[in-house]
Amino acid sequence: MGLDLSGGHKDMDYDEHRRTYKGFLIGTQVLIAFVAVLLIGMALFLV
């Protein structure tokens, strides 16, 4: 997906925004994977 950043505010740090968003997405994926593994483990070992 491409963004036209030519009309953005001059003080906005778009590169930092992208890095932060990418980190958020990676963290979300890791958390979802952890919860899935946890639920599978609970289903196997607690029943």
N, C-alpha and C. Protein backbone atom coordinates (compact mmCIF):
# COMPACT_ATOMS: atom_id res chain seq x y z
N MET A 1 0.84 -1.17 0.00
CA MET A 1 0.00 0.00 0.00
C MET A 1 0.88 1.23 0.00
N GLY A 2 0.62 2.13 -0.88
CA GLY A 2 1.41 3.35 -0.96
C GLY A 2 0.65 4.53 -0.39
N LEU A 3 1.38 5.42 0.24
CA LEU A 3 0.79 6.62 0.81
C LEU A 3 1.44 7.84 0.19
N ASP A 4 0.61 8.84 -0.12
CA ASP A 4 1.14 10.11 -0.60
C ASP A 4 1.34 11.01 0.62
N LEU A 5 2.58 11.18 1.02
CA LEU A 5 2.88 11.95 2.22
C LEU A 5 3.29 13.39 1.89
N SER A 6 3.13 13.80 0.65
CA SER A 6 3.57 15.14 0.26
C SER A 6 2.74 16.24 0.91
N GLY A 7 1.50 15.94 1.28
CA GLY A 7 0.65 16.95 1.88
C GLY A 7 0.65 16.92 3.40
N GLY A 8 1.54 16.13 3.99
CA GLY A 8 1.57 15.99 5.45
C GLY A 8 2.20 17.18 6.14
N HIS A 9 2.06 17.19 7.44
CA HIS A 9 2.63 18.26 8.25
C HIS A 9 4.15 18.14 8.28
N LYS A 10 4.83 19.27 8.26
CA LYS A 10 6.30 19.25 8.19
C LYS A 10 6.95 18.70 9.46
N ASP A 11 6.25 18.75 10.58
CA ASP A 11 6.82 18.25 11.84
C ASP A 11 6.52 16.77 12.09
N MET A 12 5.72 16.17 11.23
CA MET A 12 5.36 14.75 11.41
C MET A 12 6.52 13.87 10.97
N ASP A 13 6.93 12.95 11.84
CA ASP A 13 8.02 12.02 11.53
C ASP A 13 7.40 10.71 11.02
N TYR A 14 7.17 10.64 9.73
CA TYR A 14 6.48 9.50 9.14
C TYR A 14 7.28 8.21 9.26
N ASP A 15 8.60 8.29 9.19
CA ASP A 15 9.43 7.08 9.32
C ASP A 15 9.28 6.48 10.72
N GLU A 16 9.28 7.33 11.74
CA GLU A 16 9.10 6.84 13.10
C GLU A 16 7.69 6.26 13.29
N HIS A 17 6.72 6.88 12.67
CA HIS A 17 5.35 6.37 12.74
C HIS A 17 5.27 4.97 12.13
N ARG A 18 5.91 4.77 10.99
CA ARG A 18 5.92 3.45 10.34
C ARG A 18 6.61 2.41 11.20
N ARG A 19 7.75 2.77 11.82
CA ARG A 19 8.46 1.83 12.69
C ARG A 19 7.61 1.45 13.90
N THR A 20 6.94 2.43 14.47
CA THR A 20 6.08 2.16 15.62
C THR A 20 4.93 1.25 15.24
N TYR A 21 4.29 1.51 14.11
CA TYR A 21 3.17 0.70 13.66
C TYR A 21 3.62 -0.73 13.33
N LYS A 22 4.79 -0.85 12.70
CA LYS A 22 5.33 -2.17 12.38
C LYS A 22 5.61 -2.95 13.67
N GLY A 23 6.16 -2.29 14.67
CA GLY A 23 6.39 -2.93 15.97
C GLY A 23 5.10 -3.36 16.62
N PHE A 24 4.07 -2.52 16.52
CA PHE A 24 2.76 -2.87 17.06
C PHE A 24 2.20 -4.11 16.38
N LEU A 25 2.31 -4.18 15.05
CA LEU A 25 1.81 -5.34 14.32
C LEU A 25 2.56 -6.62 14.71
N ILE A 26 3.87 -6.53 14.84
CA ILE A 26 4.67 -7.70 15.23
C ILE A 26 4.30 -8.13 16.64
N GLY A 27 4.17 -7.18 17.55
CA GLY A 27 3.79 -7.50 18.92
C GLY A 27 2.42 -8.15 18.99
N THR A 28 1.49 -7.67 18.18
CA THR A 28 0.15 -8.25 18.14
C THR A 28 0.18 -9.68 17.63
N GLN A 29 0.96 -9.93 16.60
CA GLN A 29 1.08 -11.28 16.04
C GLN A 29 1.70 -12.23 17.06
N VAL A 30 2.72 -11.78 17.77
CA VAL A 30 3.37 -12.61 18.78
C VAL A 30 2.38 -12.92 19.90
N LEU A 31 1.63 -11.93 20.33
CA LEU A 31 0.66 -12.13 21.39
C LEU A 31 -0.44 -13.12 20.97
N ILE A 32 -0.93 -13.00 19.75
CA ILE A 32 -1.95 -13.92 19.26
C ILE A 32 -1.40 -15.34 19.21
N ALA A 33 -0.17 -15.51 18.73
CA ALA A 33 0.44 -16.85 18.68
C ALA A 33 0.61 -17.42 20.08
N PHE A 34 1.03 -16.59 21.04
CA PHE A 34 1.20 -17.05 22.41
C PHE A 34 -0.13 -17.50 23.01
N VAL A 35 -1.17 -16.73 22.80
CA VAL A 35 -2.49 -17.08 23.34
C VAL A 35 -2.99 -18.38 22.69
N ALA A 36 -2.76 -18.54 21.40
CA ALA A 36 -3.18 -19.77 20.72
C ALA A 36 -2.46 -20.98 21.30
N VAL A 37 -1.14 -20.87 21.50
CA VAL A 37 -0.37 -21.97 22.08
C VAL A 37 -0.83 -22.25 23.51
N LEU A 38 -1.08 -21.20 24.26
CA LEU A 38 -1.55 -21.36 25.63
C LEU A 38 -2.90 -22.10 25.66
N LEU A 39 -3.83 -21.72 24.81
CA LEU A 39 -5.14 -22.37 24.78
C LEU A 39 -5.04 -23.82 24.34
N ILE A 40 -4.20 -24.09 23.36
CA ILE A 40 -3.99 -25.47 22.92
C ILE A 40 -3.39 -26.30 24.06
N GLY A 41 -2.40 -25.74 24.75
CA GLY A 41 -1.79 -26.43 25.88
C GLY A 41 -2.79 -26.68 26.99
N MET A 42 -3.64 -25.72 27.27
CA MET A 42 -4.66 -25.91 28.29
C MET A 42 -5.65 -26.99 27.88
N ALA A 43 -6.02 -27.03 26.60
CA ALA A 43 -6.96 -28.04 26.13
C ALA A 43 -6.36 -29.44 26.23
N LEU A 44 -5.06 -29.56 26.01
CA LEU A 44 -4.42 -30.87 26.04
C LEU A 44 -4.10 -31.34 27.45
N PHE A 45 -3.66 -30.45 28.32
CA PHE A 45 -3.12 -30.87 29.59
C PHE A 45 -4.03 -30.64 30.80
N LEU A 46 -5.06 -29.87 30.63
CA LEU A 46 -5.95 -29.61 31.77
C LEU A 46 -7.25 -30.40 31.73
N VAL A 47 -7.46 -31.12 30.65
CA VAL A 47 -8.71 -31.87 30.54
C VAL A 47 -8.46 -33.32 30.91
